[in-house]
Amino acid sequence: MKRTAILLTITTTLVVALALSTLAANKPPQKGEVLPVMNLPMPKNPVEKGYLGLSGDGSFKIPQIKANVVIVEIFSMYCPYCQKDAPGINELYNLIENNSDLKNKIKLIGIGAGNSTYEVEVFKKTYTVPFPLFPDKDFTIHKACGEVRTPYFIVVKINDDKTHQIVHSQLGDYPGAEPFLELVLKSSGLKQ
């Protein structure tokens, strides 16, 4: 009887520990953390490559983007909220690009969770997305980000030494271009 109780206690402890470690591994990126490693394919489009300040071939990581802040939107072409928000995200891009003080400081990219290159291109054409979008067909990045629902926004501050930290992270609830830009400026320290 005593032996059964000990085995039951040990088994329960191991199951709880395993469940907690799994939950911790699958949490969304949080403010103050570093971004999970994301190997993205170098854009083939020279305009997109120039927008991100990248050169060469192969792949790159987000901290290599020449900017002080990178806004990452995790989306899916099948997500109705992503489709609804697309014009507003395009407006955010235009607000940044039309402001000479922000144009070279803030960049925007999208990562299509579970989307192939073809699906990302369809989304880009359908919603006239002006910034680079990247496929994540096998959900590798999506899993590294805690399998977040879409759309999910991550604001990353890149320091001069190329270290970085997440300064804002949110699921959906896109408030519009101007309020979101204000939030980005405040959370990143670009606006005091």
C-alpha atoms as a PDB file:
ATOM      1  CA  MET A   1       0.000   0.000   0.000  1.00  0.00           C
ATOM      2  CA  LYS A   2       2.801   2.416   0.986  1.00  0.00           C
ATOM      3  CA  ARG A   3       4.755   1.486  -2.146  1.00  0.00           C
ATOM      4  CA  THR A   4       1.708   2.225  -4.353  1.00  0.00           C
ATOM      5  CA  ALA A   5       1.280   5.633  -2.718  1.00  0.00           C
ATOM      6  CA  ILE A   6       4.948   6.503  -3.327  1.00  0.00           C
ATOM      7  CA  LEU A   7       4.756   5.408  -6.983  1.00  0.00           C
ATOM      8  CA  LEU A   8       1.548   7.390  -7.447  1.00  0.00           C
ATOM      9  CA  THR A   9       3.159  10.490  -5.909  1.00  0.00           C
ATOM     10  CA  ILE A  10       6.250  10.192  -8.110  1.00  0.00           C
ATOM     11  CA  THR A  11       4.160   9.606 -11.237  1.00  0.00           C
ATOM     12  CA  THR A  12       1.892  12.575 -10.460  1.00  0.00           C
ATOM     13  CA  THR A  13       4.899  14.821  -9.822  1.00  0.00           C
ATOM     14  CA  LEU A  14       6.508  13.843 -13.135  1.00  0.00           C
ATOM     15  CA  VAL A  15       3.272  14.383 -15.079  1.00  0.00           C
ATOM     16  CA  VAL A  16       2.744  17.824 -13.510  1.00  0.00           C
ATOM     17  CA  ALA A  17       6.388  18.815 -14.151  1.00  0.00           C
ATOM     18  CA  LEU A  18       6.136  17.707 -17.788  1.00  0.00           C
ATOM     19  CA  ALA A  19       2.853  19.580 -18.272  1.00  0.00           C
ATOM     20  CA  LEU A  20       4.277  22.782 -16.745  1.00  0.00           C
ATOM     21  CA  SER A  21       7.423  22.640 -18.873  1.00  0.00           C
ATOM     22  CA  THR A  22       5.316  22.132 -22.003  1.00  0.00           C
ATOM     23  CA  LEU A  23       3.102  25.091 -21.110  1.00  0.00           C
ATOM     24  CA  ALA A  24       6.143  27.284 -20.433  1.00  0.00           C
ATOM     25  CA  ALA A  25       7.695  26.308 -23.782  1.00  0.00           C
ATOM     26  CA  ASN A  26       4.488  27.208 -25.644  1.00  0.00           C
ATOM     27  CA  LYS A  27       3.901  30.675 -24.241  1.00  0.00           C
ATOM     28  CA  PRO A  28       3.773  33.686 -26.551  1.00  0.00           C
ATOM     29  CA  PRO A  29       6.783  36.015 -26.653  1.00  0.00           C
ATOM     30  CA  GLN A  30       6.653  38.422 -23.717  1.00  0.00           C
ATOM     31  CA  LYS A  31       7.827  41.984 -23.185  1.00  0.00           C
ATOM     32  CA  GLY A  32      11.439  41.989 -21.981  1.00  0.00           C
ATOM     33  CA  GLU A  33      12.329  38.664 -23.614  1.00  0.00           C
ATOM     34  CA  VAL A  34      14.443  38.121 -26.706  1.00  0.00           C
ATOM     35  CA  LEU A  35      12.734  37.065 -29.890  1.00  0.00           C
ATOM     36  CA  PRO A  36      12.859  33.345 -30.674  1.00  0.00           C
ATOM     37  CA  VAL A  37      15.359  32.568 -33.434  1.00  0.00           C
ATOM     38  CA  MET A  38      13.642  33.024 -36.787  1.00  0.00           C
ATOM     39  CA  ASN A  39      15.566  32.122 -39.919  1.00  0.00           C
ATOM     40  CA  LEU A  40      13.808  33.897 -42.752  1.00  0.00           C
ATOM     41  CA  PRO A  41      14.598  33.559 -46.464  1.00  0.00           C
ATOM     42  CA  MET A  42      16.371  36.555 -47.943  1.00  0.00           C
ATOM     43  CA  PRO A  43      13.831  38.473 -50.061  1.00  0.00           C
ATOM     44  CA  LYS A  44      14.284  37.868 -53.780  1.00  0.00           C
ATOM     45  CA  ASN A  45      12.671  41.221 -54.545  1.00  0.00           C
ATOM     46  CA  PRO A  46      15.466  43.858 -54.489  1.00  0.00           C
ATOM     47  CA  VAL A  47      13.032  46.555 -53.279  1.00  0.00           C
ATOM     48  CA  GLU A  48      12.084  44.450 -50.239  1.00  0.00           C
ATOM     49  CA  LYS A  49      15.723  43.579 -49.600  1.00  0.00           C
ATOM     50  CA  GLY A  50      16.603  47.280 -49.733  1.00  0.00           C
ATOM     51  CA  TYR A  51      13.673  48.198 -47.471  1.00  0.00           C
ATOM     52  CA  LEU A  52      15.066  45.849 -44.815  1.00  0.00           C
ATOM     53  CA  GLY A  53      18.664  47.006 -45.379  1.00  0.00           C
ATOM     54  CA  LEU A  54      19.824  43.486 -46.199  1.00  0.00           C
ATOM     55  CA  SER A  55      22.265  42.137 -48.745  1.00  0.00           C
ATOM     56  CA  GLY A  56      23.389  38.741 -49.935  1.00  0.00           C
ATOM     57  CA  ASP A  57      21.550  35.480 -50.336  1.00  0.00           C
ATOM     58  CA  GLY A  58      20.402  32.639 -48.112  1.00  0.00           C
ATOM     59  CA  SER A  59      18.627  33.530 -44.906  1.00  0.00           C
ATOM     60  CA  PHE A  60      18.664  36.232 -42.249  1.00  0.00           C
ATOM     61  CA  LYS A  61      17.502  36.830 -38.700  1.00  0.00           C
ATOM     62  CA  ILE A  62      15.309  39.741 -37.624  1.00  0.00           C
ATOM     63  CA  PRO A  63      18.071  41.542 -35.628  1.00  0.00           C
ATOM     64  CA  GLN A  64      19.993  41.865 -38.938  1.00  0.00           C
ATOM     65  CA  ILE A  65      17.329  44.236 -40.293  1.00  0.00           C
ATOM     66  CA  LYS A  66      18.697  47.773 -40.431  1.00  0.00           C
ATOM     67  CA  ALA A  67      16.224  49.495 -38.116  1.00  0.00           C
ATOM     68  CA  ASN A  68      15.798  50.478 -34.489  1.00  0.00           C
ATOM     69  CA  VAL A  69      12.435  48.720 -34.281  1.00  0.00           C
ATOM     70  CA  VAL A  70      10.867  45.865 -36.228  1.00  0.00           C
ATOM     71  CA  ILE A  71       7.144  45.181 -36.072  1.00  0.00           C
ATOM     72  CA  VAL A  72       6.411  41.524 -36.772  1.00  0.00           C
ATOM     73  CA  GLU A  73       2.872  40.506 -37.654  1.00  0.00           C
ATOM     74  CA  ILE A  74       2.166  36.804 -37.518  1.00  0.00           C
ATOM     75  CA  PHE A  75      -0.798  36.280 -39.827  1.00  0.00           C
ATOM     76  CA  SER A  76      -2.531  33.634 -41.895  1.00  0.00           C
ATOM     77  CA  MET A  77      -4.124  34.176 -45.254  1.00  0.00           C
ATOM     78  CA  TYR A  78      -7.108  32.183 -43.939  1.00  0.00           C
ATOM     79  CA  CYS A  79      -7.567  34.351 -40.838  1.00  0.00           C
ATOM     80  CA  PRO A  80     -10.604  36.644 -41.265  1.00  0.00           C
ATOM     81  CA  TYR A  81      -9.207  39.085 -38.680  1.00  0.00           C
ATOM     82  CA  CYS A  82      -5.925  39.304 -40.612  1.00  0.00           C
ATOM     83  CA  GLN A  83      -7.881  39.995 -43.788  1.00  0.00           C
ATOM     84  CA  LYS A  84      -9.974  42.663 -42.057  1.00  0.00           C
ATOM     85  CA  ASP A  85      -6.886  44.325 -40.505  1.00  0.00           C
ATOM     86  CA  ALA A  86      -4.757  44.254 -43.689  1.00  0.00           C
ATOM     87  CA  PRO A  87      -5.777  47.748 -44.921  1.00  0.00           C
ATOM     88  CA  GLY A  88      -5.037  49.189 -41.464  1.00  0.00           C
ATOM     89  CA  ILE A  89      -1.622  47.500 -41.324  1.00  0.00           C
ATOM     90  CA  ASN A  90      -0.899  48.914 -44.791  1.00  0.00           C
ATOM     91  CA  GLU A  91      -1.875  52.339 -43.422  1.00  0.00           C
ATOM     92  CA  LEU A  92       0.618  51.835 -40.561  1.00  0.00           C
ATOM     93  CA  TYR A  93       3.342  51.062 -43.109  1.00  0.00           C
ATOM     94  CA  ASN A  94       2.467  54.231 -45.053  1.00  0.00           C
ATOM     95  CA  LEU A  95       2.464  56.399 -41.904  1.00  0.00           C
ATOM     96  CA  ILE A  96       5.971  55.166 -41.108  1.00  0.00           C
ATOM     97  CA  GLU A  97       7.324  55.407 -44.659  1.00  0.00           C
ATOM     98  CA  ASN A  98       5.916  58.926 -45.177  1.00  0.00           C
ATOM     99  CA  ASN A  99       7.545  60.237 -41.985  1.00  0.00           C
ATOM    100  CA  SER A 100      11.199  61.121 -42.609  1.00  0.00           C
ATOM    101  CA  ASP A 101      11.978  60.782 -38.884  1.00  0.00           C
ATOM    102  CA  LEU A 102      10.631  57.208 -38.735  1.00  0.00           C
ATOM    103  CA  LYS A 103      11.234  55.809 -42.219  1.00  0.00           C
ATOM    104  CA  ASN A 104      14.667  54.353 -41.449  1.00  0.00           C
ATOM    105  CA  LYS A 105      13.953  53.566 -37.806  1.00  0.00           C
ATOM    106  CA  ILE A 106      10.883  51.292 -37.982  1.00  0.00           C
ATOM    107  CA  LYS A 107      10.360  48.378 -40.367  1.00  0.00           C
ATOM    108  CA  LEU A 108       7.400  46.057 -40.736  1.00  0.00           C
ATOM    109  CA  ILE A 109       7.315  42.399 -41.790  1.00  0.00           C
ATOM    110  CA  GLY A 110       4.697  39.654 -41.841  1.00  0.00           C
ATOM    111  CA  ILE A 111       5.110  35.935 -41.246  1.00  0.00           C
ATOM    112  CA  GLY A 112       2.414  33.648 -42.671  1.00  0.00           C
ATOM    113  CA  ALA A 113       1.807  30.900 -40.094  1.00  0.00           C
ATOM    114  CA  GLY A 114       1.230  27.658 -41.951  1.00  0.00           C
ATOM    115  CA  ASN A 115       1.262  29.523 -45.256  1.00  0.00           C
ATOM    116  CA  SER A 116       3.292  28.480 -48.295  1.00  0.00           C
ATOM    117  CA  THR A 117       5.106  30.950 -50.530  1.00  0.00           C
ATOM    118  CA  TYR A 118       2.130  30.793 -52.893  1.00  0.00           C
ATOM    119  CA  GLU A 119      -0.377  31.538 -50.101  1.00  0.00           C
ATOM    120  CA  VAL A 120       1.704  34.448 -48.823  1.00  0.00           C
ATOM    121  CA  GLU A 121       1.889  35.878 -52.356  1.00  0.00           C
ATOM    122  CA  VAL A 122      -1.897  35.540 -52.774  1.00  0.00           C
ATOM    123  CA  PHE A 123      -2.423  37.426 -49.487  1.00  0.00           C
ATOM    124  CA  LYS A 124       0.121  40.078 -50.551  1.00  0.00           C
ATOM    125  CA  LYS A 125      -1.599  40.634 -53.916  1.00  0.00           C
ATOM    126  CA  THR A 126      -5.168  40.434 -52.614  1.00  0.00           C
ATOM    127  CA  TYR A 127      -4.580  43.031 -49.877  1.00  0.00           C
ATOM    128  CA  THR A 128      -1.892  45.053 -51.716  1.00  0.00           C
ATOM    129  CA  VAL A 129       0.578  44.546 -48.852  1.00  0.00           C
ATOM    130  CA  PRO A 130       3.560  46.878 -49.433  1.00  0.00           C
ATOM    131  CA  PHE A 131       5.996  45.318 -46.913  1.00  0.00           C
ATOM    132  CA  PRO A 132       7.811  41.959 -46.991  1.00  0.00           C
ATOM    133  CA  LEU A 133       5.852  38.812 -46.108  1.00  0.00           C
ATOM    134  CA  PHE A 134       7.505  35.473 -45.376  1.00  0.00           C
ATOM    135  CA  PRO A 135       6.078  31.945 -45.449  1.00  0.00           C
ATOM    136  CA  ASP A 136       6.141  29.643 -42.424  1.00  0.00           C
ATOM    137  CA  LYS A 137       4.675  26.613 -44.179  1.00  0.00           C
ATOM    138  CA  ASP A 138       5.810  24.059 -41.584  1.00  0.00           C
ATOM    139  CA  PHE A 139       4.839  26.273 -38.586  1.00  0.00           C
ATOM    140  CA  THR A 140       8.469  26.395 -37.333  1.00  0.00           C
ATOM    141  CA  ILE A 141       8.318  30.093 -36.426  1.00  0.00           C
ATOM    142  CA  HIS A 142       4.732  29.799 -35.247  1.00  0.00           C
ATOM    143  CA  LYS A 143       5.740  27.022 -32.823  1.00  0.00           C
ATOM    144  CA  ALA A 144       8.773  29.005 -31.616  1.00  0.00           C
ATOM    145  CA  CYS A 145       6.380  31.857 -30.821  1.00  0.00           C
ATOM    146  CA  GLY A 146       4.135  29.692 -28.657  1.00  0.00           C
ATOM    147  CA  GLU A 147       1.650  28.782 -31.398  1.00  0.00           C
ATOM    148  CA  VAL A 148      -0.064  32.144 -31.062  1.00  0.00           C
ATOM    149  CA  ARG A 149      -3.406  32.835 -32.687  1.00  0.00           C
ATOM    150  CA  THR A 150      -3.484  35.308 -35.543  1.00  0.00           C
ATOM    151  CA  PRO A 151      -3.015  38.141 -36.021  1.00  0.00           C
ATOM    152  CA  TYR A 152      -0.265  38.481 -33.441  1.00  0.00           C
ATOM    153  CA  PHE A 153       1.990  41.522 -33.192  1.00  0.00           C
ATOM    154  CA  ILE A 154       5.506  41.551 -31.777  1.00  0.00           C
ATOM    155  CA  VAL A 155       7.463  44.808 -31.521  1.00  0.00           C
ATOM    156  CA  VAL A 156      11.216  44.237 -31.317  1.00  0.00           C
ATOM    157  CA  LYS A 157      13.764  46.903 -30.364  1.00  0.00           C
ATOM    158  CA  ILE A 158      17.157  46.327 -31.971  1.00  0.00           C
ATOM    159  CA  ASN A 159      20.098  47.834 -30.119  1.00  0.00           C
ATOM    160  CA  ASP A 160      23.249  49.218 -31.743  1.00  0.00           C
ATOM    161  CA  ASP A 161      25.177  46.064 -30.753  1.00  0.00           C
ATOM    162  CA  LYS A 162      22.480  43.956 -32.518  1.00  0.00           C
ATOM    163  CA  THR A 163      21.112  42.593 -29.255  1.00  0.00           C
ATOM    164  CA  HIS A 164      17.369  42.930 -29.110  1.00  0.00           C
ATOM    165  CA  GLN A 165      14.357  42.667 -26.879  1.00  0.00           C
ATOM    166  CA  ILE A 166      10.613  42.468 -27.241  1.00  0.00           C
ATOM    167  CA  VAL A 167       9.046  45.740 -26.133  1.00  0.00           C
ATOM    168  CA  HIS A 168       5.435  44.885 -26.968  1.00  0.00           C
ATOM    169  CA  SER A 169       3.483  41.737 -27.757  1.00  0.00           C
ATOM    170  CA  GLN A 170      -0.254  41.447 -28.421  1.00  0.00           C
ATOM    171  CA  LEU A 171      -2.883  39.166 -29.868  1.00  0.00           C
ATOM    172  CA  GLY A 172      -5.148  40.904 -32.369  1.00  0.00           C
ATOM    173  CA  ASP A 173      -7.158  43.909 -31.216  1.00  0.00           C
ATOM    174  CA  TYR A 174      -5.438  46.152 -33.769  1.00  0.00           C
ATOM    175  CA  PRO A 175      -6.526  49.675 -32.752  1.00  0.00           C
ATOM    176  CA  GLY A 176      -5.749  51.395 -36.063  1.00  0.00           C
ATOM    177  CA  ALA A 177      -2.572  52.826 -37.579  1.00  0.00           C
ATOM    178  CA  GLU A 178      -2.122  55.991 -35.517  1.00  0.00           C
ATOM    179  CA  PRO A 179      -2.828  54.484 -32.054  1.00  0.00           C
ATOM    180  CA  PHE A 180      -0.648  51.460 -32.834  1.00  0.00           C
ATOM    181  CA  LEU A 181       2.206  53.642 -34.076  1.00  0.00           C
ATOM    182  CA  GLU A 182       1.945  55.708 -30.881  1.00  0.00           C
ATOM    183  CA  LEU A 183       2.134  52.504 -28.849  1.00  0.00           C
ATOM    184  CA  VAL A 184       5.210  51.371 -30.819  1.00  0.00           C
ATOM    185  CA  LEU A 185       6.942  54.731 -30.352  1.00  0.00           C
ATOM    186  CA  LYS A 186       6.326  54.764 -26.593  1.00  0.00           C
ATOM    187  CA  SER A 187       7.143  51.107 -25.913  1.00  0.00           C
ATOM    188  CA  SER A 188      10.358  51.248 -27.961  1.00  0.00           C
ATOM    189  CA  GLY A 189      11.609  54.491 -26.469  1.00  0.00           C
ATOM    190  CA  LEU A 190      11.625  56.260 -29.839  1.00  0.00           C
ATOM    191  CA  LYS A 191       9.218  58.749 -28.251  1.00  0.00           C
ATOM    192  CA  GLN A 192       9.691  59.826 -24.648  1.00  0.00           C
END
